[in-house]
């Protein structure tokens, strides 16, 4: 075996490993599509509903952003979640029963929406499209989401 053959073999091995890794990431992203996203919980009648919208096909970034959203609520708003003042709803907008959210919140792409409800009536909502800019920076993503939720909470109580 000469050096040229060894180099070819090593390069081919690296390419195959890369393809396998990408396939694995896409498979695990699709497999994480769990049953918790099949139906939306009953929205809070008084409080902040945080919606994470996704579709049937989910990329690694989408799954990561869902995790960032969950982690933000756990880290910054755990007391409010426990008290029933803030609720996370994971929503698959590709399901027929959830497609109304596309019109309700003028969804252009998958994103996070926060909505304030009082006595069962939605009084304010914000679509947080900047999450895509921050999808690779967990601290910035969480800071942005926490700031927007905090601002809405302050606005709703003030």
Protein backbone atom coordinates (compact mmCIF):
# COMPACT_ATOMS: atom_id res chain seq x y z
CA UNK A 1 0.00 0.00 0.00
CA UNK A 2 1.45 3.34 -0.96
CA UNK A 3 0.90 6.74 0.66
CA UNK A 4 -1.59 7.84 -2.03
CA UNK A 5 -3.89 4.89 -1.30
CA UNK A 6 -3.72 5.48 2.45
CA UNK A 7 -4.62 9.18 2.01
CA UNK A 8 -7.58 8.27 -0.23
CA UNK A 9 -8.80 5.73 2.32
CA UNK A 10 -8.54 8.26 5.17
CA UNK A 11 -10.35 10.98 3.19
CA UNK A 12 -13.11 8.57 2.22
CA UNK A 13 -13.45 7.53 5.87
CA UNK A 14 -13.77 11.16 7.00
CA UNK A 15 -16.45 11.86 4.37
CA UNK A 16 -18.41 8.75 5.36
CA UNK A 17 -18.19 9.66 9.03
CA UNK A 18 -19.43 13.21 8.26
CA UNK A 19 -22.40 11.89 6.26
CA UNK A 20 -23.26 9.47 9.06
CA UNK A 21 -23.10 12.24 11.67
CA UNK A 22 -25.39 14.54 9.68
CA UNK A 23 -27.85 11.70 9.15
CA UNK A 24 -27.81 10.88 12.86
CA UNK A 25 -28.46 14.54 13.81
CA UNK A 26 -31.39 14.77 11.41
CA UNK A 27 -32.78 11.45 12.66
CA UNK A 28 -32.57 12.48 16.33
CA UNK A 29 -34.11 15.88 15.54
CA UNK A 30 -37.09 14.14 13.90
CA UNK A 31 -37.33 11.54 16.67
CA UNK A 32 -37.50 14.29 19.32
CA UNK A 33 -40.81 15.37 17.81
CA UNK A 34 -42.54 13.67 20.80
CA UNK A 35 -46.20 13.48 21.69
CA UNK A 36 -46.09 16.61 23.86
CA UNK A 37 -46.49 18.64 20.69
CA UNK A 38 -49.61 16.89 19.41
CA UNK A 39 -52.09 19.02 21.33
CA UNK A 40 -51.98 22.46 22.87
CA UNK A 41 -52.71 22.67 26.57
CA UNK A 42 -55.73 24.64 27.66
CA UNK A 43 -54.44 28.20 27.47
CA UNK A 44 -54.25 30.21 30.66
CA UNK A 45 -57.26 32.45 31.14
CA UNK A 46 -55.18 34.84 33.26
CA UNK A 47 -51.46 35.01 32.61
CA UNK A 48 -48.79 34.71 29.95
CA UNK A 49 -49.04 31.92 27.37
CA UNK A 50 -45.67 31.21 25.75
CA UNK A 51 -46.04 29.37 22.46
CA UNK A 52 -43.23 27.56 20.70
CA UNK A 53 -44.44 26.85 17.16
CA UNK A 54 -42.95 24.09 15.00
CA UNK A 55 -43.94 21.82 12.13
CA UNK A 56 -43.72 18.12 11.35
CA UNK A 57 -40.18 18.41 9.97
CA UNK A 58 -37.78 19.69 12.61
CA UNK A 59 -34.16 20.61 12.09
CA UNK A 60 -31.52 20.51 14.79
CA UNK A 61 -31.81 24.28 15.26
CA UNK A 62 -35.57 24.06 15.82
CA UNK A 63 -35.14 21.38 18.47
CA UNK A 64 -32.37 23.44 20.11
CA UNK A 65 -34.60 26.55 20.23
CA UNK A 66 -37.40 24.57 21.83
CA UNK A 67 -34.94 23.47 24.51
CA UNK A 68 -33.73 27.06 25.00
CA UNK A 69 -37.36 28.15 25.44
CA UNK A 70 -38.05 25.45 28.04
CA UNK A 71 -34.80 26.22 29.86
CA UNK A 72 -35.61 29.96 29.94
CA UNK A 73 -38.94 29.34 31.63
CA UNK A 74 -37.34 26.93 34.10
CA UNK A 75 -34.48 29.29 34.90
CA UNK A 76 -36.21 32.68 34.97
CA UNK A 77 -39.91 31.99 35.55
CA UNK A 78 -40.16 28.72 37.49
CA UNK A 79 -42.17 30.36 40.29
CA UNK A 80 -44.62 31.92 37.83
CA UNK A 81 -44.95 28.60 35.98
CA UNK A 82 -45.62 26.79 39.28
CA UNK A 83 -48.16 29.48 40.27
CA UNK A 84 -49.98 29.17 36.94
CA UNK A 85 -49.10 32.69 35.78
CA UNK A 86 -46.91 31.54 32.86
CA UNK A 87 -47.42 28.47 30.68
CA UNK A 88 -45.43 26.96 27.83
CA UNK A 89 -47.38 25.50 24.90
CA UNK A 90 -45.47 23.46 22.32
CA UNK A 91 -47.56 23.67 19.15
CA UNK A 92 -47.23 21.77 15.88
CA UNK A 93 -48.87 24.13 13.37
CA UNK A 94 -48.83 21.44 10.68
CA UNK A 95 -51.69 19.71 12.50
CA UNK A 96 -55.12 20.75 11.21
CA UNK A 97 -56.44 21.73 14.64
CA UNK A 98 -53.51 24.13 15.18
CA UNK A 99 -53.36 25.85 11.79
CA UNK A 100 -55.47 28.76 13.04
CA UNK A 101 -52.39 29.94 14.96
CA UNK A 102 -50.78 30.84 11.62
CA UNK A 103 -53.46 33.49 11.04
CA UNK A 104 -53.93 34.37 14.71
CA UNK A 105 -50.28 35.38 15.12
CA UNK A 106 -49.38 36.12 11.50
CA UNK A 107 -46.78 33.37 11.49
CA UNK A 108 -44.42 33.49 8.54
CA UNK A 109 -42.08 30.83 9.92
CA UNK A 110 -41.70 28.80 13.09
CA UNK A 111 -41.13 31.04 16.09
CA UNK A 112 -42.08 31.91 19.67
CA UNK A 113 -45.12 34.01 20.54
CA UNK A 114 -45.97 35.33 23.98
CA UNK A 115 -49.57 36.28 24.69
CA UNK A 116 -51.17 37.91 27.70
CA UNK A 117 -54.67 36.85 28.72
CA UNK A 118 -57.06 38.43 31.21
CA UNK A 119 -60.35 36.80 32.10
CA UNK A 120 -60.05 34.51 29.09
CA UNK A 121 -59.45 37.32 26.59
CA UNK A 122 -56.10 37.80 24.91
CA UNK A 123 -55.11 41.42 25.53
CA UNK A 124 -51.67 41.55 23.92
CA UNK A 125 -49.26 39.32 22.03
CA UNK A 126 -45.75 39.53 20.60
CA UNK A 127 -44.09 37.40 17.96
CA UNK A 128 -40.41 36.96 18.86
CA UNK A 129 -38.82 36.52 15.44
CA UNK A 130 -35.35 37.45 16.71
CA UNK A 131 -34.97 33.94 18.15
CA UNK A 132 -33.60 32.87 14.77
CA UNK A 133 -30.78 35.42 15.00
CA UNK A 134 -29.95 34.10 18.47
CA UNK A 135 -30.41 30.38 17.80
CA UNK A 136 -26.71 29.63 18.24
CA UNK A 137 -26.24 31.74 21.39
CA UNK A 138 -28.15 30.25 24.31
CA UNK A 139 -27.43 33.11 26.71
CA UNK A 140 -28.56 35.77 24.21
CA UNK A 141 -31.65 33.72 23.28
CA UNK A 142 -32.64 33.27 26.92
CA UNK A 143 -31.94 36.93 27.70
CA UNK A 144 -34.14 38.07 24.82
CA UNK A 145 -37.00 35.72 25.72
CA UNK A 146 -36.80 36.51 29.45
CA UNK A 147 -36.76 40.25 28.75
CA UNK A 148 -39.82 40.04 26.49
CA UNK A 149 -41.79 37.90 28.96
CA UNK A 150 -40.77 40.16 31.85
CA UNK A 151 -41.80 43.24 29.89
CA UNK A 152 -45.20 41.74 29.11
CA UNK A 153 -45.70 40.72 32.75
CA UNK A 154 -44.79 44.23 33.91
CA UNK A 155 -47.10 45.77 31.31
CA UNK A 156 -49.98 43.51 32.29
CA UNK A 157 -49.62 44.33 36.01
CA UNK A 158 -48.86 48.02 35.61
